[in-house]
Protein backbone atom coordinates (compact mmCIF):
# COMPACT_ATOMS: atom_id res chain seq x y z
CA MET A 1 -25.81 15.55 62.33
CA ILE A 2 -22.49 17.34 61.54
CA ARG A 3 -21.64 14.33 58.92
CA ARG A 4 -24.84 14.19 57.21
CA SER A 5 -24.07 18.36 56.72
CA ARG A 6 -20.77 17.56 55.10
CA TYR A 7 -22.31 15.20 53.05
CA GLY A 8 -24.92 17.64 51.71
CA MET A 9 -22.49 20.26 51.27
CA LEU A 10 -20.51 17.76 48.75
CA VAL A 11 -23.67 16.85 46.97
CA VAL A 12 -24.76 20.79 46.46
CA LEU A 13 -21.05 21.46 45.19
CA ALA A 14 -20.81 18.44 42.99
CA VAL A 15 -23.90 19.48 41.31
CA ALA A 16 -23.21 22.92 40.78
CA CYS A 17 -20.19 22.17 39.26
CA LEU A 18 -21.86 20.01 37.17
CA GLY A 19 -24.73 22.21 36.72
CA GLY A 20 -22.70 24.83 35.37
CA GLY A 21 -21.42 26.81 38.46
CA CYS A 22 -17.70 25.79 37.93
CA ARG A 23 -17.21 26.43 34.13
CA VAL A 24 -13.55 25.57 32.90
CA GLN A 25 -12.53 26.85 29.39
CA LEU A 26 -10.45 24.16 27.79
CA GLN A 27 -7.87 25.70 25.03
CA ARG A 28 -7.60 23.50 21.82
CA PRO A 29 -4.16 22.75 21.23
CA HIS A 30 -2.75 24.56 18.34
CA THR A 31 -2.73 21.78 15.11
CA VAL A 32 -0.92 22.42 12.12
CA PRO A 33 -3.41 21.31 9.19
CA ILE A 34 -1.94 18.57 7.15
CA ARG A 35 -2.27 19.00 3.16
CA MET A 36 -1.78 17.35 0.21
CA ILE A 37 0.45 17.16 -3.10
CA GLU A 38 -0.38 14.90 -5.72
CA PRO A 39 2.43 14.65 -8.95
CA ARG A 40 0.91 15.98 -11.85
CA LEU A 41 1.73 13.15 -14.17
CA VAL A 42 2.00 13.69 -18.28
CA GLU A 43 -0.47 10.86 -19.12
CA PRO A 44 0.14 10.00 -23.11
CA VAL A 45 -1.96 11.25 -25.75
CA GLY A 46 -2.66 8.08 -27.49
CA VAL A 47 -1.02 4.36 -27.46
CA ALA A 48 1.60 3.86 -29.55
CA ALA A 49 1.30 1.75 -32.35
CA ASP A 50 4.00 -1.43 -31.32
CA SER A 51 6.46 -1.37 -34.42
CA PRO A 52 7.70 -4.67 -35.80
CA ASN A 53 10.59 -4.74 -33.63
CA SER A 54 9.33 -3.67 -30.50
CA THR A 55 10.81 -5.14 -27.49
CA SER A 56 8.88 -7.44 -24.95
CA VAL A 57 8.81 -5.94 -21.44
CA ARG A 58 7.30 -8.21 -18.47
CA LEU A 59 7.08 -5.41 -15.55
CA LEU A 60 7.69 -6.86 -12.59
CA GLU A 61 7.46 -4.50 -9.86
CA THR A 62 7.50 -1.45 -8.76
CA GLN A 63 8.39 -0.40 -4.97
CA ALA A 64 10.39 1.74 -2.81
CA ARG A 65 12.70 1.41 -0.17
CA GLY A 66 11.36 1.54 3.28
CA HIS A 67 12.23 4.94 4.43
CA ILE A 68 10.17 6.63 1.00
CA GLY A 69 6.36 7.09 2.09
CA ARG A 70 3.77 9.57 2.14
CA ARG A 71 5.51 12.35 3.78
CA VAL A 72 7.44 14.91 1.87
CA LEU A 73 10.99 14.61 2.87
CA HIS A 74 13.58 17.19 3.24
CA GLN A 75 17.49 16.77 3.15
CA GLN A 76 19.20 19.60 5.28
CA PRO A 77 22.99 20.69 4.14
CA GLY A 78 24.27 17.88 6.81
CA GLY A 79 22.84 15.11 5.26
CA GLU A 80 20.05 14.16 7.53
CA LEU A 81 16.38 13.75 6.37
CA THR A 82 13.50 15.34 7.89
CA GLU A 83 9.94 14.82 7.66
CA ASP A 84 8.22 18.04 6.01
CA PRO A 85 5.14 18.76 9.48
CA VAL A 86 2.65 20.43 6.53
CA TRP A 87 2.95 18.41 3.35
CA LEU A 88 1.97 14.94 1.94
CA TRP A 89 2.22 13.09 -1.18
CA THR A 90 -1.58 11.51 -1.52
CA SER A 91 0.24 8.31 -1.99
CA THR A 92 3.46 6.54 -1.93
CA PRO A 93 5.63 7.88 -4.46
CA ASP A 94 6.44 4.35 -6.14
CA ARG A 95 2.41 4.14 -6.94
CA TYR A 96 3.50 7.35 -9.44
CA LEU A 97 6.58 5.85 -10.20
CA ASP A 98 4.19 2.69 -11.44
CA SER A 99 2.01 4.88 -13.34
CA ALA A 100 4.86 6.85 -15.22
CA VAL A 101 6.77 3.70 -16.36
CA ARG A 102 3.18 2.40 -17.62
CA TYR A 103 2.51 5.63 -19.49
CA ALA A 104 6.21 5.66 -21.29
CA ILE A 105 5.52 2.16 -21.85
CA ALA A 106 2.21 2.95 -23.53
CA SER A 107 3.46 6.15 -25.35
CA SER A 108 6.39 4.27 -26.56
CA PRO A 109 6.41 1.99 -30.18
CA ASP A 110 9.88 0.29 -28.87
CA VAL A 111 8.37 -1.20 -25.60
CA ARG A 112 5.38 -3.28 -24.72
CA ILE A 113 4.11 -5.01 -21.97
CA VAL A 114 3.36 -8.97 -22.09
CA ASP A 115 3.35 -11.29 -19.31
CA ALA A 116 5.39 -13.86 -20.97
CA GLY A 117 8.22 -15.34 -18.60
CA SER A 118 10.53 -15.41 -21.13
CA SER A 119 10.72 -11.70 -22.46
CA ARG A 120 13.32 -9.21 -20.69
CA SER A 121 11.67 -8.51 -16.91
CA LEU A 122 11.93 -4.90 -15.57
CA ALA A 123 12.12 -3.74 -11.88
CA VAL A 124 12.32 -0.42 -10.49
CA THR A 125 12.91 0.84 -6.81
CA LEU A 126 12.59 4.24 -6.00
CA VAL A 127 16.10 4.24 -3.29
CA VAL A 128 15.67 8.32 -3.64
CA TRP A 129 12.73 10.70 -3.34
CA GLN A 130 13.55 14.35 -1.44
CA ILE A 131 14.05 17.85 -1.62
CA GLU A 132 17.39 18.97 -1.34
CA ALA A 133 17.94 22.85 -0.65
CA ALA A 134 21.28 23.60 -1.70
CA PRO A 135 22.55 24.96 -3.26
CA SER A 136 19.10 25.77 -4.51
CA PRO A 137 15.91 23.94 -3.80
CA ARG A 138 15.20 20.86 -6.46
CA LEU A 139 13.16 17.72 -5.84
CA VAL A 140 15.90 14.90 -6.35
CA GLY A 141 14.74 11.40 -6.93
CA ALA A 142 16.50 8.02 -7.97
CA VAL A 143 15.69 4.65 -9.16
CA GLU A 144 17.61 1.29 -9.31
CA VAL A 145 16.50 -0.16 -12.15
CA GLN A 146 16.93 -4.13 -12.25
CA VAL A 147 16.38 -5.40 -16.19
CA VAL A 148 16.77 -9.82 -16.53
CA THR A 149 17.27 -10.06 -20.26
CA THR A 150 16.22 -13.11 -21.70
CA ASP A 151 19.60 -15.62 -20.79
CA ARG A 152 19.05 -14.83 -17.41
CA ALA A 153 21.39 -11.92 -16.61
CA VAL A 154 20.62 -9.57 -14.30
CA HIS A 155 21.96 -5.66 -14.81
CA SER A 156 21.21 -3.24 -12.43
CA GLU A 157 21.70 0.46 -12.41
CA ILE A 158 21.05 3.66 -10.53
CA ILE A 159 19.62 6.14 -12.32
CA ARG A 160 19.42 9.64 -10.71
CA ALA A 161 17.68 13.24 -11.84
CA GLU A 162 16.69 16.66 -10.52
CA GLU A 163 14.12 19.47 -11.15
CA PRO A 164 14.25 22.59 -9.94
CA ILE A 165 11.33 23.94 -7.68
CA ALA A 166 9.99 27.10 -5.85
CA VAL A 167 11.23 28.01 -2.04
CA ASP A 168 7.50 27.88 -1.07
CA LEU A 169 5.62 24.89 -0.39
CA PRO A 170 3.93 23.64 -2.72
CA GLY A 171 4.66 25.69 -5.02
CA ASP A 172 5.57 23.98 -8.17
CA LEU A 173 6.20 20.65 -6.64
CA ALA A 174 3.36 18.93 -8.02
CA SER A 175 4.38 19.88 -11.96
CA ALA A 176 7.93 19.40 -10.45
CA SER A 177 7.61 16.29 -9.68
CA GLY A 178 5.87 15.02 -12.31
CA ARG A 179 8.35 16.10 -15.02
CA LEU A 180 10.87 14.00 -12.61
CA LEU A 181 8.63 11.13 -12.83
CA GLY A 182 8.54 11.03 -16.61
CA ARG A 183 11.50 11.35 -16.73
CA LEU A 184 12.87 8.56 -14.84
CA ALA A 185 10.46 6.05 -16.43
CA LYS A 186 11.85 7.44 -19.72
CA ASP A 187 15.47 6.52 -18.83
CA CYS A 188 14.13 3.06 -17.26
CA LEU A 189 13.03 2.20 -20.94
CA SER A 190 15.97 3.20 -21.91
CA ARG A 191 18.07 1.30 -20.06
CA VAL A 192 15.67 -1.98 -21.06
CA MET A 193 16.41 -1.24 -24.56
CA ARG A 194 20.08 -0.80 -24.04
CA GLN A 195 20.16 -4.64 -22.12
CA GLY A 196 20.11 -7.49 -24.47
CA ALA A 197 20.39 -5.66 -27.58
């Protein structure tokens, strides 16, 4: 009889807890919402007509080093890179660079994209894409440009540029990144024109 009453009490207690007698309020964890930034690339107004002496270029690839992803990176004064806890790029920065290079080629009468192995080849790798705080906040980008000329000589060069940005994110980061990508893309084309000329 005693054994039966113990089991009965346990059943009553379990039903009471499940039925609402023992309500426990669980607190939601405090999370920081994720926000997206998309660079504002300047699209060409119209496609430039190719001049008779335009340089044919085969765009091999546009890529980024492994550490450059969708997170916005901050370089600390000591050189350490940290990821921003809130802000993300809507896509990886090398995709924007690819668009910027294609826009620069479309707006230039001196260069045109072809798919022929006998023309100059261009490969662009994004090696730096981060916000540096000292001495004033700025977005810094650097690309490695590899141009393979028609005689199969490989020319490699690093191009670095920067744009000032507002202290508080996102501020003008979208337009600053668009300007920076456009400038890097135009510098890539000038290197193509210079090699093999």
